[in-house]
PDB file of N, CA and C in Angstrom:
ATOM      1  N   UNK A   1      89.211  69.547 121.365  1.00  0.00           N
ATOM      2  CA  UNK A   1      90.357  70.366 121.645  1.00  0.00           C
ATOM      3  C   UNK A   1      91.363  70.217 120.505  1.00  0.00           C
ATOM      4  N   UNK A   2      91.968  71.322 120.144  1.00  0.00           N
ATOM      5  CA  UNK A   2      92.902  71.306 119.023  1.00  0.00           C
ATOM      6  C   UNK A   2      94.295  70.955 119.488  1.00  0.00           C
ATOM      7  N   UNK A   3      95.011  70.388 118.554  1.00  0.00           N
ATOM      8  CA  UNK A   3      96.405  70.070 118.793  1.00  0.00           C
ATOM      9  C   UNK A   3      97.227  71.348 118.594  1.00  0.00           C
ATOM     10  N   UNK A   4      98.300  71.565 119.353  1.00  0.00           N
ATOM     11  CA  UNK A   4      99.108  72.784 119.252  1.00  0.00           C
ATOM     12  C   UNK A   4      99.780  72.915 117.895  1.00  0.00           C
ATOM     13  N   UNK A   5     100.231  71.839 117.314  1.00  0.00           N
ATOM     14  CA  UNK A   5     100.891  71.915 116.008  1.00  0.00           C
ATOM     15  C   UNK A   5      99.894  72.291 114.923  1.00  0.00           C
ATOM     16  N   UNK A   6      98.652  71.849 115.038  1.00  0.00           N
ATOM     17  CA  UNK A   6      97.631  72.189 114.050  1.00  0.00           C
ATOM     18  C   UNK A   6      97.306  73.670 114.121  1.00  0.00           C
ATOM     19  N   UNK A   7      97.176  74.235 115.293  1.00  0.00           N
ATOM     20  CA  UNK A   7      96.864  75.660 115.410  1.00  0.00           C
ATOM     21  C   UNK A   7      98.024  76.516 114.916  1.00  0.00           C
ATOM     22  N   UNK A   8      99.266  76.081 115.143  1.00  0.00           N
ATOM     23  CA  UNK A   8     100.422  76.816 114.621  1.00  0.00           C
ATOM     24  C   UNK A   8     100.423  76.810 113.095  1.00  0.00           C
ATOM     25  N   UNK A   9     100.111  75.671 112.484  1.00  0.00           N
ATOM     26  CA  UNK A   9     100.050  75.589 111.027  1.00  0.00           C
ATOM     27  C   UNK A   9      98.941  76.475 110.472  1.00  0.00           C
ATOM     28  N   UNK A  10      97.823  76.553 111.166  1.00  0.00           N
ATOM     29  CA  UNK A  10      96.729  77.405 110.715  1.00  0.00           C
ATOM     30  C   UNK A  10      97.124  78.878 110.808  1.00  0.00           C
ATOM     31  N   UNK A  11      97.811  79.284 111.875  1.00  0.00           N
ATOM     32  CA  UNK A  11      98.252  80.662 112.002  1.00  0.00           C
ATOM     33  C   UNK A  11      99.299  80.996 110.944  1.00  0.00           C
ATOM     34  N   UNK A  12     100.210  80.079 110.697  1.00  0.00           N
ATOM     35  CA  UNK A  12     101.233  80.319 109.675  1.00  0.00           C
ATOM     36  C   UNK A  12     100.604  80.389 108.296  1.00  0.00           C
ATOM     37  N   UNK A  13      99.624  79.577 108.052  1.00  0.00           N
ATOM     38  CA  UNK A  13      98.965  79.561 106.756  1.00  0.00           C
ATOM     39  C   UNK A  13      98.176  80.855 106.537  1.00  0.00           C
ATOM     40  N   UNK A  14      97.537  81.348 107.534  1.00  0.00           N
ATOM     41  CA  UNK A  14      96.762  82.575 107.364  1.00  0.00           C
ATOM     42  C   UNK A  14      97.678  83.783 107.169  1.00  0.00           C
ATOM     43  N   UNK A  15      98.831  83.823 107.830  1.00  0.00           N
ATOM     44  CA  UNK A  15      99.745  84.941 107.602  1.00  0.00           C
ATOM     45  C   UNK A  15     100.319  84.877 106.187  1.00  0.00           C
ATOM     46  N   UNK A  16     100.571  83.687 105.683  1.00  0.00           N
ATOM     47  CA  UNK A  16     101.025  83.533 104.305  1.00  0.00           C
ATOM     48  C   UNK A  16      99.935  83.980 103.339  1.00  0.00           C
ATOM     49  N   UNK A  17      98.710  83.605 103.615  1.00  0.00           N
ATOM     50  CA  UNK A  17      97.609  84.021 102.752  1.00  0.00           C
ATOM     51  C   UNK A  17      97.380  85.529 102.835  1.00  0.00           C
ATOM     52  N   UNK A  18      97.642  86.108 103.998  1.00  0.00           N
ATOM     53  CA  UNK A  18      97.436  87.530 104.189  1.00  0.00           C
ATOM     54  C   UNK A  18      98.388  88.343 103.303  1.00  0.00           C
ATOM     55  N   UNK A  19      99.613  87.892 103.142  1.00  0.00           N
ATOM     56  CA  UNK A  19     100.608  88.635 102.369  1.00  0.00           C
ATOM     57  C   UNK A  19     100.789  88.102 100.951  1.00  0.00           C
ATOM     58  N   UNK A  20      99.974  87.159 100.550  1.00  0.00           N
ATOM     59  CA  UNK A  20     100.100  86.599  99.209  1.00  0.00           C
ATOM     60  C   UNK A  20      99.773  87.647  98.139  1.00  0.00           C
ATOM     61  N   UNK A  21      98.731  88.445  98.344  1.00  0.00           N
ATOM     62  CA  UNK A  21      98.345  89.462  97.374  1.00  0.00           C
ATOM     63  C   UNK A  21      99.418  90.554  97.284  1.00  0.00           C
ATOM     64  N   UNK A  22      99.949  90.956  98.423  1.00  0.00           N
ATOM     65  CA  UNK A  22     101.013  91.947  98.434  1.00  0.00           C
ATOM     66  C   UNK A  22     102.258  91.420  97.716  1.00  0.00           C
ATOM     67  N   UNK A  23     102.577  90.170  97.926  1.00  0.00           N
ATOM     68  CA  UNK A  23     103.711  89.552  97.229  1.00  0.00           C
ATOM     69  C   UNK A  23     103.480  89.495  95.730  1.00  0.00           C
ATOM     70  N   UNK A  24     102.245  89.216  95.334  1.00  0.00           N
ATOM     71  CA  UNK A  24     101.905  89.182  93.916  1.00  0.00           C
ATOM     72  C   UNK A  24     102.075  90.564  93.287  1.00  0.00           C
ATOM     73  N   UNK A  25     101.600  91.600  93.949  1.00  0.00           N
ATOM     74  CA  UNK A  25     101.719  92.957  93.425  1.00  0.00           C
ATOM     75  C   UNK A  25     103.196  93.354  93.318  1.00  0.00           C
ATOM     76  N   UNK A  26     103.983  93.062  94.350  1.00  0.00           N
ATOM     77  CA  UNK A  26     105.414  93.400  94.320  1.00  0.00           C
ATOM     78  C   UNK A  26     106.145  92.650  93.212  1.00  0.00           C
ATOM     79  N   UNK A  27     105.811  91.391  93.011  1.00  0.00           N
ATOM     80  CA  UNK A  27     106.484  90.628  91.955  1.00  0.00           C
ATOM     81  C   UNK A  27     106.082  91.114  90.567  1.00  0.00           C
ATOM     82  N   UNK A  28     104.845  91.539  90.391  1.00  0.00           N
ATOM     83  CA  UNK A  28     104.414  92.081  89.099  1.00  0.00           C
ATOM     84  C   UNK A  28     105.127  93.401  88.815  1.00  0.00           C
ATOM     85  N   UNK A  29     105.267  94.244  89.819  1.00  0.00           N
ATOM     86  CA  UNK A  29     105.978  95.513  89.636  1.00  0.00           C
ATOM     87  C   UNK A  29     107.447  95.256  89.314  1.00  0.00           C
ATOM     88  N   UNK A  30     108.063  94.326  90.018  1.00  0.00           N
ATOM     89  CA  UNK A  30     109.468  94.007  89.754  1.00  0.00           C
ATOM     90  C   UNK A  30     109.651  93.448  88.350  1.00  0.00           C
ATOM     91  N   UNK A  31     108.749  92.576  87.914  1.00  0.00           N
ATOM     92  CA  UNK A  31     108.825  92.015  86.567  1.00  0.00           C
ATOM     93  C   UNK A  31     108.653  93.097  85.513  1.00  0.00           C
ATOM     94  N   UNK A  32     107.731  94.020  85.737  1.00  0.00           N
ATOM     95  CA  UNK A  32     107.534  95.095  84.756  1.00  0.00           C
ATOM     96  C   UNK A  32     108.749  96.014  84.701  1.00  0.00           C
ATOM     97  N   UNK A  33     109.388  96.286  85.823  1.00  0.00           N
ATOM     98  CA  UNK A  33     110.605  97.097  85.807  1.00  0.00           C
ATOM     99  C   UNK A  33     111.725  96.415  85.031  1.00  0.00           C
ATOM    100  N   UNK A  34     111.875  95.115  85.206  1.00  0.00           N
ATOM    101  CA  UNK A  34     112.899  94.367  84.471  1.00  0.00           C
ATOM    102  C   UNK A  34     112.609  94.416  82.973  1.00  0.00           C
ATOM    103  N   UNK A  35     111.349  94.268  82.591  1.00  0.00           N
ATOM    104  CA  UNK A  35     110.997  94.303  81.173  1.00  0.00           C
ATOM    105  C   UNK A  35     111.231  95.689  80.572  1.00  0.00           C
ATOM    106  N   UNK A  36     110.944  96.749  81.326  1.00  0.00           N
ATOM    107  CA  UNK A  36     111.186  98.105  80.836  1.00  0.00           C
ATOM    108  C   UNK A  36     112.681  98.351  80.676  1.00  0.00           C
ATOM    109  N   UNK A  37     113.485  97.869  81.611  1.00  0.00           N
ATOM    110  CA  UNK A  37     114.933  98.035  81.509  1.00  0.00           C
ATOM    111  C   UNK A  37     115.470  97.312  80.277  1.00  0.00           C
ATOM    112  N   UNK A  38     114.977  96.114  80.023  1.00  0.00           N
ATOM    113  CA  UNK A  38     115.395  95.359  78.833  1.00  0.00           C
ATOM    114  C   UNK A  38     114.965  96.087  77.560  1.00  0.00           C
ATOM    115  N   UNK A  39     113.741  96.617  77.540  1.00  0.00           N
ATOM    116  CA  UNK A  39     113.249  97.325  76.358  1.00  0.00           C
ATOM    117  C   UNK A  39     114.048  98.600  76.103  1.00  0.00           C
ATOM    118  N   UNK A  40     114.365  99.341  77.142  1.00  0.00           N
ATOM    119  CA  UNK A  40     115.154 100.563  76.968  1.00  0.00           C
ATOM    120  C   UNK A  40     116.570 100.245  76.508  1.00  0.00           C
ATOM    121  N   UNK A  41     117.128  99.152  76.996  1.00  0.00           N
ATOM    122  CA  UNK A  41     118.457  98.750  76.549  1.00  0.00           C
ATOM    123  C   UNK A  41     118.435  98.382  75.064  1.00  0.00           C
ATOM    124  N   UNK A  42     117.426  97.640  74.647  1.00  0.00           N
ATOM    125  CA  UNK A  42     117.295  97.307  73.220  1.00  0.00           C
ATOM    126  C   UNK A  42     117.081  98.556  72.377  1.00  0.00           C
ATOM    127  N   UNK A  43     116.309  99.495  72.889  1.00  0.00           N
ATOM    128  CA  UNK A  43     116.037 100.756  72.175  1.00  0.00           C
ATOM    129  C   UNK A  43     117.326 101.530  71.956  1.00  0.00           C
ATOM    130  N   UNK A  44     118.168 101.575  72.962  1.00  0.00           N
ATOM    131  CA  UNK A  44     119.410 102.338  72.850  1.00  0.00           C
ATOM    132  C   UNK A  44     120.476 101.601  72.048  1.00  0.00           C
ATOM    133  N   UNK A  45     120.581 100.290  72.205  1.00  0.00           N
ATOM    134  CA  UNK A  45     121.634  99.554  71.512  1.00  0.00           C
ATOM    135  C   UNK A  45     121.290  99.246  70.057  1.00  0.00           C
ATOM    136  N   UNK A  46     120.025  99.234  69.701  1.00  0.00           N
ATOM    137  CA  UNK A  46     119.649  98.910  68.323  1.00  0.00           C
ATOM    138  C   UNK A  46     119.809 100.091  67.373  1.00  0.00           C
ATOM    139  N   UNK A  47     119.961 101.288  67.911  1.00  0.00           N
ATOM    140  CA  UNK A  47     120.105 102.454  67.053  1.00  0.00           C
ATOM    141  C   UNK A  47     118.807 103.193  66.821  1.00  0.00           C
ATOM    142  N   UNK A  48     117.720 102.707  67.368  1.00  0.00           N
ATOM    143  CA  UNK A  48     116.434 103.388  67.187  1.00  0.00           C
ATOM    144  C   UNK A  48     116.410 104.726  67.912  1.00  0.00           C
ATOM    145  N   UNK A  49     117.180 104.862  68.960  1.00  0.00           N
ATOM    146  CA  UNK A  49     117.214 106.122  69.712  1.00  0.00           C
ATOM    147  C   UNK A  49     117.794 107.248  68.870  1.00  0.00           C
ATOM    148  N   UNK A  50     118.699 106.922  67.954  1.00  0.00           N
ATOM    149  CA  UNK A  50     119.285 107.953  67.126  1.00  0.00           C
ATOM    150  C   UNK A  50     118.312 108.462  66.065  1.00  0.00           C
ATOM    151  N   UNK A  51     117.309 107.684  65.740  1.00  0.00           N
ATOM    152  CA  UNK A  51     116.319 108.098  64.740  1.00  0.00           C
ATOM    153  C   UNK A  51     115.135 108.831  65.356  1.00  0.00           C
ATOM    154  N   UNK A  52     115.040 108.832  66.670  1.00  0.00           N
ATOM    155  CA  UNK A  52     113.911 109.428  67.372  1.00  0.00           C
ATOM    156  C   UNK A  52     114.178 110.910  67.597  1.00  0.00           C
ATOM    157  N   UNK A  53     113.530 111.751  66.819  1.00  0.00           N
ATOM    158  CA  UNK A  53     113.743 113.194  66.932  1.00  0.00           C
ATOM    159  C   UNK A  53     112.879 113.827  68.010  1.00  0.00           C
ATOM    160  N   UNK A  54     112.043 113.063  68.696  1.00  0.00           N
ATOM    161  CA  UNK A  54     111.200 113.631  69.742  1.00  0.00           C
ATOM    162  C   UNK A  54     111.936 113.776  71.058  1.00  0.00           C
ATOM    163  N   UNK A  55     113.165 113.333  71.130  1.00  0.00           N
ATOM    164  CA  UNK A  55     113.934 113.473  72.365  1.00  0.00           C
ATOM    165  C   UNK A  55     114.299 114.936  72.584  1.00  0.00           C
ATOM    166  N   UNK A  56     114.355 115.360  73.843  1.00  0.00           N
ATOM    167  CA  UNK A  56     114.644 116.776  74.131  1.00  0.00           C
ATOM    168  C   UNK A  56     115.990 117.258  73.601  1.00  0.00           C
ATOM    169  N   UNK A  57     116.965 116.368  73.484  1.00  0.00           N
ATOM    170  CA  UNK A  57     118.265 116.820  73.014  1.00  0.00           C
ATOM    171  C   UNK A  57     118.287 117.134  71.518  1.00  0.00           C
ATOM    172  N   UNK A  58     117.232 116.786  70.807  1.00  0.00           N
ATOM    173  CA  UNK A  58     117.145 117.054  69.371  1.00  0.00           C
ATOM    174  C   UNK A  58     116.186 118.195  69.043  1.00  0.00           C
ATOM    175  N   UNK A  59     115.884 119.070  70.002  1.00  0.00           N
ATOM    176  CA  UNK A  59     114.949 120.179  69.766  1.00  0.00           C
ATOM    177  C   UNK A  59     115.451 121.120  68.663  1.00  0.00           C
ATOM    178  N   UNK A  60     116.745 121.386  68.628  1.00  0.00           N
ATOM    179  CA  UNK A  60     117.293 122.271  67.597  1.00  0.00           C
ATOM    180  C   UNK A  60     117.168 121.644  66.219  1.00  0.00           C
ATOM    181  N   UNK A  61     117.372 120.351  66.136  1.00  0.00           N
ATOM    182  CA  UNK A  61     117.287 119.663  64.846  1.00  0.00           C
ATOM    183  C   UNK A  61     115.843 119.575  64.377  1.00  0.00           C
ATOM    184  N   UNK A  62     114.898 119.471  65.303  1.00  0.00           N
ATOM    185  CA  UNK A  62     113.484 119.406  64.922  1.00  0.00           C
ATOM    186  C   UNK A  62     113.066 120.650  64.153  1.00  0.00           C
ATOM    187  N   UNK A  63     113.605 121.800  64.541  1.00  0.00           N
ATOM    188  CA  UNK A  63     113.249 123.043  63.866  1.00  0.00           C
ATOM    189  C   UNK A  63     113.835 123.104  62.456  1.00  0.00           C
ATOM    190  N   UNK A  64     114.919 122.390  62.219  1.00  0.00           N
ATOM    191  CA  UNK A  64     115.587 122.430  60.919  1.00  0.00           C
ATOM    192  C   UNK A  64     115.015 121.423  59.921  1.00  0.00           C
ATOM    193  N   UNK A  65     114.278 120.444  60.405  1.00  0.00           N
ATOM    194  CA  UNK A  65     113.758 119.396  59.529  1.00  0.00           C
ATOM    195  C   UNK A  65     112.631 119.964  58.670  1.00  0.00           C
ATOM    196  N   UNK A  66     112.739 119.709  57.395  1.00  0.00           N
ATOM    197  CA  UNK A  66     111.697 120.137  56.464  1.00  0.00           C
ATOM    198  C   UNK A  66     111.222 118.939  55.673  1.00  0.00           C
ATOM    199  N   UNK A  67     109.980 118.961  55.348  1.00  0.00           N
ATOM    200  CA  UNK A  67     109.416 117.888  54.544  1.00  0.00           C
ATOM    201  C   UNK A  67     109.190 118.441  53.149  1.00  0.00           C
ATOM    202  N   UNK A  68     109.976 117.943  52.214  1.00  0.00           N
ATOM    203  CA  UNK A  68     109.917 118.466  50.860  1.00  0.00           C
ATOM    204  C   UNK A  68     108.777 117.854  50.052  1.00  0.00           C
ATOM    205  N   UNK A  69     108.515 116.596  50.275  1.00  0.00           N
ATOM    206  CA  UNK A  69     107.511 115.901  49.481  1.00  0.00           C
ATOM    207  C   UNK A  69     106.170 115.906  50.208  1.00  0.00           C
ATOM    208  N   UNK A  70     105.142 116.284  49.514  1.00  0.00           N
ATOM    209  CA  UNK A  70     103.798 116.263  50.081  1.00  0.00           C
ATOM    210  C   UNK A  70     103.158 114.948  49.653  1.00  0.00           C
ATOM    211  N   UNK A  71     102.773 114.151  50.625  1.00  0.00           N
ATOM    212  CA  UNK A  71     102.165 112.868  50.286  1.00  0.00           C
ATOM    213  C   UNK A  71     100.676 113.062  50.059  1.00  0.00           C
ATOM    214  N   UNK A  72     100.197 112.423  49.032  1.00  0.00           N
ATOM    215  CA  UNK A  72      98.785 112.493  48.695  1.00  0.00           C
ATOM    216  C   UNK A  72      98.101 111.261  49.264  1.00  0.00           C
ATOM    217  N   UNK A  73      97.015 111.490  49.955  1.00  0.00           N
ATOM    218  CA  UNK A  73      96.281 110.360  50.521  1.00  0.00           C
ATOM    219  C   UNK A  73      94.913 110.265  49.852  1.00  0.00           C
ATOM    220  N   UNK A  74      94.410 109.087  49.856  1.00  0.00           N
ATOM    221  CA  UNK A  74      93.106 108.835  49.259  1.00  0.00           C
ATOM    222  C   UNK A  74      92.030 109.201  50.279  1.00  0.00           C
ATOM    223  N   UNK A  75      90.990 109.930  49.878  1.00  0.00           N
ATOM    224  CA  UNK A  75      89.963 110.330  50.847  1.00  0.00           C
ATOM    225  C   UNK A  75      89.193 109.123  51.384  1.00  0.00           C
ATOM    226  N   UNK A  76      88.825 109.208  52.646  1.00  0.00           N
ATOM    227  CA  UNK A  76      88.132 108.095  53.289  1.00  0.00           C
ATOM    228  C   UNK A  76      86.653 108.037  52.930  1.00  0.00           C
ATOM    229  N   UNK A  77      86.078 109.134  52.506  1.00  0.00           N
ATOM    230  CA  UNK A  77      84.665 109.117  52.134  1.00  0.00           C
ATOM    231  C   UNK A  77      84.494 109.795  50.780  1.00  0.00           C
ATOM    232  N   UNK A  78      83.381 109.531  50.152  1.00  0.00           N
ATOM    233  CA  UNK A  78      83.114 110.092  48.838  1.00  0.00           C
ATOM    234  C   UNK A  78      82.523 109.022  47.936  1.00  0.00           C
ATOM    235  N   UNK A  79      82.254 109.381  46.701  1.00  0.00           N
ATOM    236  CA  UNK A  79      81.649 108.408  45.790  1.00  0.00           C
ATOM    237  C   UNK A  79      82.657 107.335  45.378  1.00  0.00           C
ATOM    238  N   UNK A  80      82.139 106.158  45.148  1.00  0.00           N
ATOM    239  CA  UNK A  80      82.976 105.057  44.669  1.00  0.00           C
ATOM    240  C   UNK A  80      82.538 104.737  43.252  1.00  0.00           C
ATOM    241  N   UNK A  81      83.237 105.326  42.326  1.00  0.00           N
ATOM    242  CA  UNK A  81      82.939 105.089  40.914  1.00  0.00           C
ATOM    243  C   UNK A  81      84.242 104.760  40.194  1.00  0.00           C
ATOM    244  N   UNK A  82      84.186 104.668  38.882  1.00  0.00           N
ATOM    245  CA  UNK A  82      85.361 104.270  38.108  1.00  0.00           C
ATOM    246  C   UNK A  82      86.495 105.294  38.236  1.00  0.00           C
ATOM    247  N   UNK A  83      86.161 106.572  38.268  1.00  0.00           N
ATOM    248  CA  UNK A  83      87.193 107.600  38.388  1.00  0.00           C
ATOM    249  C   UNK A  83      87.883 107.526  39.748  1.00  0.00           C
ATOM    250  N   UNK A  84      87.113 107.312  40.805  1.00  0.00           N
ATOM    251  CA  UNK A  84      87.695 107.197  42.140  1.00  0.00           C
ATOM    252  C   UNK A  84      88.570 105.950  42.235  1.00  0.00           C
ATOM    253  N   UNK A  85      88.113 104.871  41.622  1.00  0.00           N
ATOM    254  CA  UNK A  85      88.900 103.631  41.630  1.00  0.00           C
ATOM    255  C   UNK A  85      90.209 103.821  40.870  1.00  0.00           C
ATOM    256  N   UNK A  86      90.156 104.503  39.719  1.00  0.00           N
ATOM    257  CA  UNK A  86      91.374 104.755  38.947  1.00  0.00           C
ATOM    258  C   UNK A  86      92.349 105.645  39.720  1.00  0.00           C
ATOM    259  N   UNK A  87      91.820 106.630  40.431  1.00  0.00           N
ATOM    260  CA  UNK A  87      92.674 107.496  41.253  1.00  0.00           C
ATOM    261  C   UNK A  87      93.353 106.696  42.346  1.00  0.00           C
ATOM    262  N   UNK A  88      92.580 105.825  42.994  1.00  0.00           N
ATOM    263  CA  UNK A  88      93.151 104.995  44.045  1.00  0.00           C
ATOM    264  C   UNK A  88      94.233 104.073  43.488  1.00  0.00           C
ATOM    265  N   UNK A  89      93.963 103.454  42.367  1.00  0.00           N
ATOM    266  CA  UNK A  89      94.950 102.550  41.760  1.00  0.00           C
ATOM    267  C   UNK A  89      96.223 103.301  41.381  1.00  0.00           C
ATOM    268  N   UNK A  90      96.092 104.524  40.899  1.00  0.00           N
ATOM    269  CA  UNK A  90      97.254 105.317  40.527  1.00  0.00           C
ATOM    270  C   UNK A  90      98.089 105.663  41.768  1.00  0.00           C
ATOM    271  N   UNK A  91      97.434 106.121  42.843  1.00  0.00           N
ATOM    272  CA  UNK A  91      98.151 106.435  44.084  1.00  0.00           C
ATOM    273  C   UNK A  91      98.814 105.188  44.665  1.00  0.00           C
ATOM    274  N   UNK A  92      98.102 104.075  44.593  1.00  0.00           N
ATOM    275  CA  UNK A  92      98.651 102.818  45.114  1.00  0.00           C
ATOM    276  C   UNK A  92      99.864 102.371  44.294  1.00  0.00           C
ATOM    277  N   UNK A  93      99.782 102.507  42.988  1.00  0.00           N
ATOM    278  CA  UNK A  93     100.895 102.090  42.128  1.00  0.00           C
ATOM    279  C   UNK A  93     102.134 102.949  42.378  1.00  0.00           C
ATOM    280  N   UNK A  94     101.945 104.255  42.617  1.00  0.00           N
ATOM    281  CA  UNK A  94     103.087 105.121  42.911  1.00  0.00           C
ATOM    282  C   UNK A  94     103.765 104.705  44.216  1.00  0.00           C
ATOM    283  N   UNK A  95     102.966 104.444  45.234  1.00  0.00           N
ATOM    284  CA  UNK A  95     103.538 104.019  46.522  1.00  0.00           C
ATOM    285  C   UNK A  95     104.189 102.648  46.416  1.00  0.00           C
ATOM    286  N   UNK A  96     103.553 101.742  45.704  1.00  0.00           N
ATOM    287  CA  UNK A  96     104.106 100.394  45.562  1.00  0.00           C
ATOM    288  C   UNK A  96     105.431 100.426  44.812  1.00  0.00           C
ATOM    289  N   UNK A  97     105.546 101.321  43.831  1.00  0.00           N
ATOM    290  CA  UNK A  97     106.795 101.432  43.075  1.00  0.00           C
ATOM    291  C   UNK A  97     107.937 101.902  43.984  1.00  0.00           C
ATOM    292  N   UNK A  98     107.632 102.834  44.889  1.00  0.00           N
ATOM    293  CA  UNK A  98     108.656 103.316  45.812  1.00  0.00           C
ATOM    294  C   UNK A  98     109.093 102.220  46.778  1.00  0.00           C
ATOM    295  N   UNK A  99     108.149 101.427  47.222  1.00  0.00           N
ATOM    296  CA  UNK A  99     108.463 100.382  48.205  1.00  0.00           C
ATOM    297  C   UNK A  99     109.196  99.220  47.558  1.00  0.00           C
ATOM    298  N   UNK A 100     108.737  98.777  46.410  1.00  0.00           N
ATOM    299  CA  UNK A 100     109.344  97.609  45.781  1.00  0.00           C
ATOM    300  C   UNK A 100     110.589  97.958  44.971  1.00  0.00           C
ATOM    301  N   UNK A 101     110.866  99.235  44.794  1.00  0.00           N
ATOM    302  CA  UNK A 101     112.033  99.639  44.023  1.00  0.00           C
ATOM    303  C   UNK A 101     113.332  99.556  44.795  1.00  0.00           C
ATOM    304  N   UNK A 102     113.276  99.158  46.059  1.00  0.00           N
ATOM    305  CA  UNK A 102     114.464  99.096  46.903  1.00  0.00           C
ATOM    306  C   UNK A 102     114.828  97.638  47.140  1.00  0.00           C
ATOM    307  N   UNK A 103     116.108  97.327  47.004  1.00  0.00           N
ATOM    308  CA  UNK A 103     116.581  95.977  47.291  1.00  0.00           C
ATOM    309  C   UNK A 103     116.642  95.801  48.808  1.00  0.00           C
ATOM    310  N   UNK A 104     115.862  94.910  49.350  1.00  0.00           N
ATOM    311  CA  UNK A 104     115.754  94.745  50.799  1.00  0.00           C
ATOM    312  C   UNK A 104     117.036  94.252  51.442  1.00  0.00           C
ATOM    313  N   UNK A 105     117.868  93.563  50.717  1.00  0.00           N
ATOM    314  CA  UNK A 105     119.076  92.981  51.294  1.00  0.00           C
ATOM    315  C   UNK A 105     120.312  93.853  51.099  1.00  0.00           C
ATOM    316  N   UNK A 106     120.138  95.012  50.527  1.00  0.00           N
ATOM    317  CA  UNK A 106     121.247  95.924  50.318  1.00  0.00           C
ATOM    318  C   UNK A 106     121.521  96.688  51.617  1.00  0.00           C
ATOM    319  N   UNK A 107     122.754  96.741  52.087  1.00  0.00           N
ATOM    320  CA  UNK A 107     123.022  97.433  53.355  1.00  0.00           C
ATOM    321  C   UNK A 107     122.797  98.939  53.289  1.00  0.00           C
ATOM    322  N   UNK A 108     122.779  99.515  52.107  1.00  0.00           N
ATOM    323  CA  UNK A 108     122.553 100.957  52.008  1.00  0.00           C
ATOM    324  C   UNK A 108     121.085 101.337  52.136  1.00  0.00           C
ATOM    325  N   UNK A 109     120.216 100.360  52.292  1.00  0.00           N
ATOM    326  CA  UNK A 109     118.794 100.643  52.431  1.00  0.00           C
ATOM    327  C   UNK A 109     118.532 101.465  53.690  1.00  0.00           C
ATOM    328  N   UNK A 110     119.305 101.250  54.731  1.00  0.00           N
ATOM    329  CA  UNK A 110     119.100 101.967  55.984  1.00  0.00           C
ATOM    330  C   UNK A 110     119.943 103.229  56.090  1.00  0.00           C
ATOM    331  N   UNK A 111     120.512 103.675  55.003  1.00  0.00           N
ATOM    332  CA  UNK A 111     121.303 104.904  55.049  1.00  0.00           C
ATOM    333  C   UNK A 111     120.371 106.111  55.133  1.00  0.00           C
ATOM    334  N   UNK A 112     120.924 107.229  55.538  1.00  0.00           N
ATOM    335  CA  UNK A 112     120.133 108.455  55.684  1.00  0.00           C
ATOM    336  C   UNK A 112     119.578 108.929  54.348  1.00  0.00           C
ATOM    337  N   UNK A 113     120.334 108.752  53.279  1.00  0.00           N
ATOM    338  CA  UNK A 113     119.864 109.185  51.964  1.00  0.00           C
ATOM    339  C   UNK A 113     118.650 108.387  51.505  1.00  0.00           C
ATOM    340  N   UNK A 114     118.636 107.110  51.803  1.00  0.00           N
ATOM    341  CA  UNK A 114     117.521 106.268  51.386  1.00  0.00           C
ATOM    342  C   UNK A 114     116.286 106.490  52.246  1.00  0.00           C
ATOM    343  N   UNK A 115     116.484 106.537  53.573  1.00  0.00           N
ATOM    344  CA  UNK A 115     115.348 106.697  54.474  1.00  0.00           C
ATOM    345  C   UNK A 115     114.744 108.096  54.411  1.00  0.00           C
ATOM    346  N   UNK A 116     115.567 109.092  54.229  1.00  0.00           N
ATOM    347  CA  UNK A 116     115.141 110.486  54.147  1.00  0.00           C
ATOM    348  C   UNK A 116     114.300 110.890  55.354  1.00  0.00           C
ATOM    349  N   UNK A 117     114.740 110.454  56.528  1.00  0.00           N
ATOM    350  CA  UNK A 117     114.033 110.822  57.750  1.00  0.00           C
ATOM    351  C   UNK A 117     114.425 112.213  58.217  1.00  0.00           C
ATOM    352  N   UNK A 118     115.631 112.599  57.957  1.00  0.00           N
ATOM    353  CA  UNK A 118     116.138 113.875  58.436  1.00  0.00           C
ATOM    354  C   UNK A 118     116.638 114.669  57.250  1.00  0.00           C
ATOM    355  N   UNK A 119     115.862 115.632  56.817  1.00  0.00           N
ATOM    356  CA  UNK A 119     116.240 116.455  55.684  1.00  0.00           C
ATOM    357  C   UNK A 119     116.591 117.832  56.227  1.00  0.00           C
ATOM    358  N   UNK A 120     117.876 118.146  56.210  1.00  0.00           N
ATOM    359  CA  UNK A 120     118.350 119.440  56.685  1.00  0.00           C
ATOM    360  C   UNK A 120     118.567 120.359  55.505  1.00  0.00           C
ATOM    361  N   UNK A 121     118.308 121.652  55.684  1.00  0.00           N
ATOM    362  CA  UNK A 121     118.562 122.575  54.572  1.00  0.00           C
ATOM    363  C   UNK A 121     120.051 122.631  54.270  1.00  0.00           C
ATOM    364  N   UNK A 122     120.378 122.646  52.997  1.00  0.00           N
ATOM    365  CA  UNK A 122     121.765 122.661  52.562  1.00  0.00           C
ATOM    366  C   UNK A 122     122.343 124.062  52.779  1.00  0.00           C
ATOM    367  N   UNK A 123     123.499 124.126  53.389  1.00  0.00           N
ATOM    368  CA  UNK A 123     124.145 125.426  53.572  1.00  0.00           C
ATOM    369  C   UNK A 123     124.939 125.747  52.318  1.00  0.00           C
ATOM    370  N   UNK A 124     124.925 126.991  51.970  1.00  0.00           N
ATOM    371  CA  UNK A 124     125.618 127.438  50.764  1.00  0.00           C
ATOM    372  C   UNK A 124     127.013 127.876  51.181  1.00  0.00           C
ATOM    373  N   UNK A 125     127.985 127.286  50.545  1.00  0.00           N
ATOM    374  CA  UNK A 125     129.372 127.677  50.822  1.00  0.00           C
ATOM    375  C   UNK A 125     129.912 128.419  49.620  1.00  0.00           C
ATOM    376  N   UNK A 126     130.571 129.486  49.900  1.00  0.00           N
ATOM    377  CA  UNK A 126     131.149 130.259  48.809  1.00  0.00           C
ATOM    378  C   UNK A 126     132.667 130.211  48.940  1.00  0.00           C
ATOM    379  N   UNK A 127     133.290 130.170  47.830  1.00  0.00           N
ATOM    380  CA  UNK A 127     134.755 130.151  47.823  1.00  0.00           C
ATOM    381  C   UNK A 127     135.236 131.466  47.234  1.00  0.00           C
ATOM    382  N   UNK A 128     136.244 132.001  47.841  1.00  0.00           N
ATOM    383  CA  UNK A 128     136.809 133.239  47.327  1.00  0.00           C
ATOM    384  C   UNK A 128     138.129 132.932  46.652  1.00  0.00           C
ATOM    385  N   UNK A 129     138.332 133.497  45.499  1.00  0.00           N
ATOM    386  CA  UNK A 129     139.557 133.267  44.749  1.00  0.00           C
ATOM    387  C   UNK A 129     140.546 134.366  44.980  1.00  0.00           C
TER     388      UNK A 129
END
């Protein structure tokens, strides 16, 4: 015959085990929501949101953005000979010069002129005399 306190502990233990998985799922969802809130706060406070042109409020600006420079990429397939190697080295040297030509500790590195992320067409202003 079982003791009454032992059967109560067994019933309490099984109800705890019954809801353990549900508690785990709820805590994982709550943790993920907290992490998303922290990530969105960092996204907005760091200034990255202002550089993101895919937001719906920047639809008008997306139409105005033009890309003036055409970047040349090295083909992924083809013959590997001296001419192809020289072409690759030339393309690599041009890109490396652009990257290493900027002083990393200069505060103007993150300016719009340097980054050239948003190139708007220049409006022509005329003055009348």
